[in-house]
Amino acid sequence: MFADFLKRLTSPEPAPLPDADARLALTALLVRIARSDGAYDPEEVARIDKITASRFGLSPFETAKLRGEAETLEAEAPDTVRFTRAIKDAVPYEDRLGVVEALWEVVLADGVREEEENALLRLVANLLGVNDRDSALARQRAQAAS
């Protein structure tokens, strides 16, 4: 299942993703940022669930199912550069900006901004085509919401 999805996502000219695939890819990116410091804390899992439930209008069961699929996809996904660039090519800017804000929420969920998380988030924002100013504003919104 995920092999075909990853093949479509990383093809030389990916088509825009259907909503269900975009949800999965973006949730997998949230999982990747949460795992980047070597710890996948319950606070981060809870924040991912909260973000996906509210962003996509999912029930708790649907949220847990999506996160489980995203955890599997993240483990099988290619390196962050190719994975993120594929999302950039398949997802509109406004949605990518919302993803950066959600990524900041996950980074801030455990109350500690680890250097690994900061570095990965800077890289991901850049690869998603989100400029430093917009990323900083997204971080400020995420901090205010915490």
N, C-alpha and C. Protein backbone atom coordinates (compact mmCIF):
# COMPACT_ATOMS: atom_id res chain seq x y z
N MET A 1 0.83 -1.20 0.00
CA MET A 1 0.00 0.00 0.00
C MET A 1 0.87 1.26 0.00
N PHE A 2 1.83 1.33 0.94
CA PHE A 2 2.64 2.53 1.04
C PHE A 2 3.68 2.62 -0.06
N ALA A 3 4.11 1.49 -0.61
CA ALA A 3 5.09 1.52 -1.70
C ALA A 3 4.53 2.25 -2.91
N ASP A 4 3.28 1.96 -3.28
CA ASP A 4 2.65 2.65 -4.41
C ASP A 4 2.47 4.13 -4.12
N PHE A 5 2.06 4.44 -2.89
CA PHE A 5 1.86 5.83 -2.50
C PHE A 5 3.18 6.59 -2.60
N LEU A 6 4.25 6.02 -2.05
CA LEU A 6 5.56 6.68 -2.09
C LEU A 6 6.07 6.82 -3.52
N LYS A 7 5.80 5.83 -4.34
CA LYS A 7 6.21 5.90 -5.74
C LYS A 7 5.51 7.06 -6.45
N ARG A 8 4.21 7.20 -6.21
CA ARG A 8 3.46 8.32 -6.81
C ARG A 8 3.95 9.66 -6.27
N LEU A 9 4.21 9.70 -4.96
CA LEU A 9 4.62 10.95 -4.32
C LEU A 9 5.99 11.40 -4.78
N THR A 10 6.88 10.46 -5.02
CA THR A 10 8.25 10.83 -5.38
C THR A 10 8.54 10.70 -6.88
N SER A 11 7.50 10.55 -7.68
CA SER A 11 7.70 10.49 -9.13
C SER A 11 8.26 11.83 -9.61
N PRO A 12 8.92 11.84 -10.79
CA PRO A 12 9.53 13.09 -11.28
C PRO A 12 8.54 14.25 -11.39
N GLU A 13 7.29 13.95 -11.73
CA GLU A 13 6.27 14.99 -11.85
C GLU A 13 5.02 14.56 -11.10
N PRO A 14 5.04 14.69 -9.76
CA PRO A 14 3.87 14.22 -9.01
C PRO A 14 2.63 15.07 -9.29
N ALA A 15 1.51 14.40 -9.35
CA ALA A 15 0.23 15.09 -9.52
C ALA A 15 -0.22 15.59 -8.16
N PRO A 16 -1.09 16.60 -8.13
CA PRO A 16 -1.64 17.01 -6.84
C PRO A 16 -2.26 15.82 -6.14
N LEU A 17 -2.07 15.77 -4.83
CA LEU A 17 -2.56 14.64 -4.06
C LEU A 17 -4.05 14.76 -3.77
N PRO A 18 -4.76 13.64 -3.86
CA PRO A 18 -6.14 13.64 -3.37
C PRO A 18 -6.12 13.94 -1.87
N ASP A 19 -7.23 14.41 -1.34
CA ASP A 19 -7.28 14.82 0.07
C ASP A 19 -6.79 13.74 1.02
N ALA A 20 -7.22 12.51 0.85
CA ALA A 20 -6.82 11.43 1.78
C ALA A 20 -5.31 11.21 1.75
N ASP A 21 -4.71 11.27 0.57
CA ASP A 21 -3.26 11.09 0.46
C ASP A 21 -2.51 12.28 1.05
N ALA A 22 -3.03 13.48 0.83
CA ALA A 22 -2.40 14.68 1.40
C ALA A 22 -2.44 14.62 2.92
N ARG A 23 -3.56 14.19 3.48
CA ARG A 23 -3.66 14.03 4.93
C ARG A 23 -2.59 13.08 5.45
N LEU A 24 -2.44 11.97 4.77
CA LEU A 24 -1.47 10.96 5.18
C LEU A 24 -0.05 11.49 5.09
N ALA A 25 0.29 12.13 3.99
CA ALA A 25 1.64 12.66 3.80
C ALA A 25 1.96 13.74 4.84
N LEU A 26 1.02 14.63 5.07
CA LEU A 26 1.26 15.72 6.01
C LEU A 26 1.34 15.20 7.45
N THR A 27 0.54 14.20 7.78
CA THR A 27 0.61 13.61 9.11
C THR A 27 1.93 12.87 9.29
N ALA A 28 2.40 12.21 8.25
CA ALA A 28 3.70 11.53 8.31
C ALA A 28 4.82 12.53 8.55
N LEU A 29 4.70 13.72 7.99
CA LEU A 29 5.69 14.76 8.23
C LEU A 29 5.66 15.21 9.69
N LEU A 30 4.47 15.30 10.27
CA LEU A 30 4.36 15.62 11.70
C LEU A 30 5.05 14.55 12.55
N VAL A 31 4.85 13.30 12.18
CA VAL A 31 5.49 12.19 12.90
C VAL A 31 7.01 12.30 12.76
N ARG A 32 7.48 12.61 11.56
CA ARG A 32 8.93 12.70 11.34
C ARG A 32 9.55 13.78 12.22
N ILE A 33 8.91 14.93 12.33
CA ILE A 33 9.46 16.00 13.17
C ILE A 33 9.43 15.59 14.63
N ALA A 34 8.38 14.89 15.05
CA ALA A 34 8.29 14.46 16.45
C ALA A 34 9.37 13.43 16.78
N ARG A 35 9.72 12.59 15.83
CA ARG A 35 10.73 11.55 16.05
C ARG A 35 12.16 12.04 15.86
N SER A 36 12.33 13.26 15.37
CA SER A 36 13.65 13.74 14.97
C SER A 36 14.65 13.85 16.11
N ASP A 37 14.18 13.99 17.35
CA ASP A 37 15.11 14.10 18.48
C ASP A 37 15.35 12.75 19.15
N GLY A 38 14.86 11.68 18.54
CA GLY A 38 15.08 10.34 19.09
C GLY A 38 14.06 9.94 20.12
N ALA A 39 13.14 10.83 20.46
CA ALA A 39 12.08 10.53 21.43
C ALA A 39 10.75 10.86 20.78
N TYR A 40 9.81 9.95 20.93
CA TYR A 40 8.46 10.15 20.39
C TYR A 40 7.54 10.20 21.60
N ASP A 41 7.49 11.37 22.21
CA ASP A 41 6.83 11.56 23.50
C ASP A 41 5.30 11.53 23.39
N PRO A 42 4.64 11.09 24.48
CA PRO A 42 3.18 11.08 24.50
C PRO A 42 2.58 12.46 24.22
N GLU A 43 3.26 13.53 24.67
CA GLU A 43 2.76 14.88 24.41
C GLU A 43 2.77 15.18 22.91
N GLU A 44 3.79 14.69 22.23
CA GLU A 44 3.87 14.91 20.80
C GLU A 44 2.80 14.11 20.06
N VAL A 45 2.58 12.88 20.48
CA VAL A 45 1.53 12.05 19.89
C VAL A 45 0.17 12.72 20.09
N ALA A 46 -0.07 13.21 21.30
CA ALA A 46 -1.34 13.88 21.60
C ALA A 46 -1.50 15.14 20.75
N ARG A 47 -0.41 15.87 20.54
CA ARG A 47 -0.49 17.08 19.72
C ARG A 47 -0.77 16.73 18.26
N ILE A 48 -0.14 15.69 17.77
CA ILE A 48 -0.40 15.25 16.40
C ILE A 48 -1.88 14.87 16.25
N ASP A 49 -2.40 14.14 17.23
CA ASP A 49 -3.81 13.75 17.19
C ASP A 49 -4.72 14.98 17.22
N LYS A 50 -4.39 15.93 18.06
CA LYS A 50 -5.20 17.15 18.17
C LYS A 50 -5.19 17.93 16.85
N ILE A 51 -4.00 18.05 16.25
CA ILE A 51 -3.87 18.78 15.00
C ILE A 51 -4.66 18.10 13.89
N THR A 52 -4.49 16.79 13.76
CA THR A 52 -5.17 16.09 12.66
C THR A 52 -6.67 16.04 12.87
N ALA A 53 -7.10 15.86 14.12
CA ALA A 53 -8.55 15.83 14.38
C ALA A 53 -9.20 17.16 14.02
N SER A 54 -8.58 18.26 14.44
CA SER A 54 -9.19 19.56 14.17
C SER A 54 -9.01 19.98 12.72
N ARG A 55 -7.86 19.74 12.13
CA ARG A 55 -7.60 20.15 10.75
C ARG A 55 -8.44 19.38 9.75
N PHE A 56 -8.62 18.08 10.01
CA PHE A 56 -9.31 17.24 9.04
C PHE A 56 -10.71 16.82 9.49
N GLY A 57 -11.16 17.26 10.67
CA GLY A 57 -12.50 16.94 11.15
C GLY A 57 -12.69 15.45 11.39
N LEU A 58 -11.72 14.83 12.05
CA LEU A 58 -11.76 13.39 12.26
C LEU A 58 -12.24 13.02 13.66
N SER A 59 -12.85 11.86 13.77
CA SER A 59 -13.23 11.31 15.07
C SER A 59 -11.96 10.79 15.74
N PRO A 60 -12.01 10.51 17.05
CA PRO A 60 -10.83 9.94 17.72
C PRO A 60 -10.35 8.64 17.06
N PHE A 61 -11.28 7.79 16.65
CA PHE A 61 -10.90 6.54 15.99
C PHE A 61 -10.19 6.82 14.66
N GLU A 62 -10.76 7.73 13.85
CA GLU A 62 -10.16 8.08 12.56
C GLU A 62 -8.79 8.73 12.75
N THR A 63 -8.68 9.54 13.79
CA THR A 63 -7.42 10.21 14.09
C THR A 63 -6.34 9.19 14.42
N ALA A 64 -6.66 8.25 15.29
CA ALA A 64 -5.69 7.22 15.69
C ALA A 64 -5.29 6.36 14.48
N LYS A 65 -6.26 6.05 13.64
CA LYS A 65 -5.98 5.23 12.45
C LYS A 65 -5.05 5.99 11.50
N LEU A 66 -5.32 7.28 11.26
CA LEU A 66 -4.48 8.09 10.39
C LEU A 66 -3.07 8.18 10.95
N ARG A 67 -2.94 8.43 12.25
CA ARG A 67 -1.62 8.53 12.85
C ARG A 67 -0.86 7.21 12.72
N GLY A 68 -1.54 6.09 12.94
CA GLY A 68 -0.90 4.79 12.80
C GLY A 68 -0.37 4.57 11.38
N GLU A 69 -1.19 4.91 10.40
CA GLU A 69 -0.75 4.80 9.01
C GLU A 69 0.41 5.75 8.73
N ALA A 70 0.34 6.96 9.29
CA ALA A 70 1.40 7.94 9.08
C ALA A 70 2.71 7.49 9.73
N GLU A 71 2.62 6.84 10.88
CA GLU A 71 3.83 6.32 11.53
C GLU A 71 4.50 5.28 10.65
N THR A 72 3.70 4.41 10.04
CA THR A 72 4.24 3.39 9.14
C THR A 72 4.84 4.05 7.90
N LEU A 73 4.11 4.99 7.30
CA LEU A 73 4.60 5.69 6.12
C LEU A 73 5.90 6.42 6.43
N GLU A 74 5.95 7.11 7.55
CA GLU A 74 7.16 7.86 7.90
C GLU A 74 8.36 6.94 8.00
N ALA A 75 8.18 5.76 8.57
CA ALA A 75 9.28 4.82 8.71
C ALA A 75 9.76 4.31 7.35
N GLU A 76 8.86 4.24 6.38
CA GLU A 76 9.20 3.73 5.04
C GLU A 76 9.56 4.84 4.06
N ALA A 77 9.29 6.08 4.41
CA ALA A 77 9.48 7.20 3.48
C ALA A 77 10.97 7.42 3.21
N PRO A 78 11.26 7.99 2.03
CA PRO A 78 12.65 8.29 1.71
C PRO A 78 13.18 9.40 2.62
N ASP A 79 14.39 9.79 2.36
CA ASP A 79 14.99 10.85 3.16
C ASP A 79 14.08 12.08 3.18
N THR A 80 14.25 12.89 4.18
CA THR A 80 13.39 14.05 4.40
C THR A 80 13.39 15.00 3.21
N VAL A 81 14.53 15.17 2.56
CA VAL A 81 14.61 16.11 1.44
C VAL A 81 13.66 15.67 0.32
N ARG A 82 13.75 14.42 -0.12
CA ARG A 82 12.88 13.97 -1.22
C ARG A 82 11.42 13.92 -0.79
N PHE A 83 11.17 13.47 0.43
CA PHE A 83 9.80 13.35 0.93
C PHE A 83 9.14 14.73 0.99
N THR A 84 9.85 15.70 1.53
CA THR A 84 9.30 17.04 1.70
C THR A 84 9.14 17.76 0.36
N ARG A 85 10.11 17.60 -0.52
CA ARG A 85 9.99 18.22 -1.85
C ARG A 85 8.80 17.65 -2.60
N ALA A 86 8.55 16.37 -2.42
CA ALA A 86 7.39 15.76 -3.08
C ALA A 86 6.10 16.38 -2.56
N ILE A 87 6.03 16.62 -1.25
CA ILE A 87 4.85 17.26 -0.67
C ILE A 87 4.72 18.69 -1.23
N LYS A 88 5.83 19.40 -1.34
CA LYS A 88 5.80 20.77 -1.87
C LYS A 88 5.18 20.80 -3.26
N ASP A 89 5.56 19.83 -4.09
CA ASP A 89 5.06 19.80 -5.46
C ASP A 89 3.59 19.41 -5.55
N ALA A 90 3.07 18.78 -4.50
CA ALA A 90 1.72 18.23 -4.59
C ALA A 90 0.70 18.98 -3.71
N VAL A 91 1.15 19.95 -2.91
CA VAL A 91 0.26 20.61 -1.94
C VAL A 91 0.36 22.13 -2.13
N PRO A 92 -0.78 22.84 -2.16
CA PRO A 92 -0.76 24.31 -2.31
C PRO A 92 -0.02 25.01 -1.16
N TYR A 93 0.52 26.22 -1.44
CA TYR A 93 1.32 26.97 -0.47
C TYR A 93 0.58 27.20 0.85
N GLU A 94 -0.68 27.61 0.78
CA GLU A 94 -1.42 27.91 2.01
C GLU A 94 -1.46 26.69 2.93
N ASP A 95 -1.64 25.51 2.33
CA ASP A 95 -1.67 24.29 3.12
C ASP A 95 -0.29 23.97 3.69
N ARG A 96 0.76 24.24 2.89
CA ARG A 96 2.13 24.01 3.37
C ARG A 96 2.45 24.95 4.53
N LEU A 97 1.98 26.18 4.46
CA LEU A 97 2.19 27.12 5.55
C LEU A 97 1.50 26.62 6.82
N GLY A 98 0.29 26.10 6.68
CA GLY A 98 -0.41 25.51 7.81
C GLY A 98 0.33 24.31 8.37
N VAL A 99 0.99 23.56 7.50
CA VAL A 99 1.77 22.41 7.95
C VAL A 99 2.96 22.88 8.78
N VAL A 100 3.62 23.95 8.35
CA VAL A 100 4.75 24.47 9.13
C VAL A 100 4.28 24.89 10.51
N GLU A 101 3.13 25.53 10.59
CA GLU A 101 2.60 25.92 11.90
C GLU A 101 2.31 24.67 12.75
N ALA A 102 1.74 23.66 12.14
CA ALA A 102 1.47 22.42 12.86
C ALA A 102 2.77 21.74 13.29
N LEU A 103 3.79 21.80 12.45
CA LEU A 103 5.09 21.23 12.83
C LEU A 103 5.65 21.94 14.05
N TRP A 104 5.53 23.26 14.08
CA TRP A 104 5.97 24.01 15.26
C TRP A 104 5.18 23.59 16.49
N GLU A 105 3.88 23.35 16.35
CA GLU A 105 3.08 22.90 17.49
C GLU A 105 3.61 21.59 18.03
N VAL A 106 4.00 20.68 17.15
CA VAL A 106 4.54 19.40 17.59
C VAL A 106 5.88 19.59 18.29
N VAL A 107 6.75 20.42 17.71
CA VAL A 107 8.06 20.68 18.32
C VAL A 107 7.89 21.26 19.73
N LEU A 108 6.91 22.13 19.90
CA LEU A 108 6.70 22.81 21.18
C LEU A 108 5.87 21.99 22.16
N ALA A 109 5.29 20.87 21.72
CA ALA A 109 4.34 20.11 22.54
C ALA A 109 4.94 19.58 23.84
N ASP A 110 6.20 19.18 23.82
CA ASP A 110 6.80 18.62 25.03
C ASP A 110 7.49 19.67 25.89
N GLY A 111 7.38 20.95 25.47
CA GLY A 111 7.94 22.04 26.27
C GLY A 111 9.43 22.24 26.07
N VAL A 112 10.06 21.45 25.20
CA VAL A 112 11.49 21.56 24.98
C VAL A 112 11.75 21.66 23.48
N ARG A 113 12.49 22.69 23.08
CA ARG A 113 12.87 22.83 21.67
C ARG A 113 14.25 22.24 21.50
N GLU A 114 14.29 20.98 21.11
CA GLU A 114 15.57 20.30 20.88
C GLU A 114 16.21 20.84 19.60
N GLU A 115 17.54 20.89 19.60
CA GLU A 115 18.25 21.39 18.43
C GLU A 115 17.96 20.56 17.18
N GLU A 116 17.82 19.23 17.35
CA GLU A 116 17.51 18.38 16.20
C GLU A 116 16.17 18.76 15.58
N GLU A 117 15.19 19.05 16.43
CA GLU A 117 13.87 19.45 15.94
C GLU A 117 13.94 20.80 15.23
N ASN A 118 14.65 21.76 15.84
CA ASN A 118 14.79 23.08 15.23
C ASN A 118 15.45 22.98 13.86
N ALA A 119 16.55 22.22 13.78
CA ALA A 119 17.28 22.09 12.53
C ALA A 119 16.41 21.43 11.46
N LEU A 120 15.72 20.36 11.83
CA LEU A 120 14.87 19.69 10.86
C LEU A 120 13.73 20.58 10.42
N LEU A 121 13.14 21.32 11.34
CA LEU A 121 12.03 22.20 10.98
C LEU A 121 12.48 23.31 10.04
N ARG A 122 13.66 23.87 10.28
CA ARG A 122 14.18 24.89 9.36
C ARG A 122 14.37 24.30 7.96
N LEU A 123 14.93 23.09 7.90
CA LEU A 123 15.13 22.43 6.62
C LEU A 123 13.80 22.16 5.93
N VAL A 124 12.86 21.59 6.68
CA VAL A 124 11.56 21.23 6.12
C VAL A 124 10.82 22.47 5.61
N ALA A 125 10.81 23.53 6.40
CA ALA A 125 10.12 24.75 5.97
C ALA A 125 10.71 25.25 4.65
N ASN A 126 12.02 25.25 4.56
CA ASN A 126 12.69 25.68 3.33
C ASN A 126 12.32 24.77 2.17
N LEU A 127 12.37 23.45 2.39
CA LEU A 127 12.05 22.51 1.32
C LEU A 127 10.58 22.58 0.90
N LEU A 128 9.72 22.98 1.84
CA LEU A 128 8.30 23.15 1.50
C LEU A 128 8.05 24.47 0.77
N GLY A 129 9.11 25.29 0.66
CA GLY A 129 8.97 26.56 -0.03
C GLY A 129 8.40 27.66 0.85
N VAL A 130 8.43 27.46 2.16
CA VAL A 130 7.93 28.46 3.11
C VAL A 130 9.13 29.30 3.55
N ASN A 131 9.05 30.60 3.34
CA ASN A 131 10.19 31.46 3.65
C ASN A 131 10.37 31.63 5.16
N ASP A 132 11.54 32.14 5.54
CA ASP A 132 11.88 32.27 6.97
C ASP A 132 10.89 33.15 7.72
N ARG A 133 10.45 34.22 7.08
CA ARG A 133 9.50 35.13 7.74
C ARG A 133 8.19 34.42 8.05
N ASP A 134 7.64 33.73 7.05
CA ASP A 134 6.38 33.02 7.26
C ASP A 134 6.54 31.90 8.28
N SER A 135 7.70 31.24 8.28
CA SER A 135 7.95 30.18 9.26
C SER A 135 8.01 30.77 10.67
N ALA A 136 8.67 31.91 10.82
CA ALA A 136 8.76 32.56 12.13
C ALA A 136 7.37 32.98 12.62
N LEU A 137 6.56 33.51 11.72
CA LEU A 137 5.19 33.89 12.10
C LEU A 137 4.38 32.64 12.48
N ALA A 138 4.59 31.55 11.76
CA ALA A 138 3.90 30.29 12.09
C ALA A 138 4.32 29.80 13.48
N ARG A 139 5.63 29.93 13.79
CA ARG A 139 6.11 29.54 15.13
C ARG A 139 5.47 30.41 16.20
N GLN A 140 5.37 31.70 15.96
CA GLN A 140 4.75 32.60 16.93
C GLN A 140 3.29 32.23 17.16
N ARG A 141 2.57 31.90 16.10
CA ARG A 141 1.17 31.49 16.25
C ARG A 141 1.08 30.19 17.04
N ALA A 142 1.98 29.26 16.76
CA ALA A 142 1.99 27.99 17.49
C ALA A 142 2.29 28.19 18.96
N GLN A 143 3.23 29.09 19.27
CA GLN A 143 3.56 29.38 20.67
C GLN A 143 2.38 30.03 21.38
N ALA A 144 1.70 30.93 20.70
CA ALA A 144 0.56 31.60 21.30
C ALA A 144 -0.58 30.62 21.57
N ALA A 145 -0.71 29.62 20.70
CA ALA A 145 -1.79 28.63 20.85
C ALA A 145 -1.49 27.61 21.96
N SER A 146 -0.23 27.48 22.33
CA SER A 146 0.15 26.47 23.34
C SER A 146 -0.28 26.85 24.73
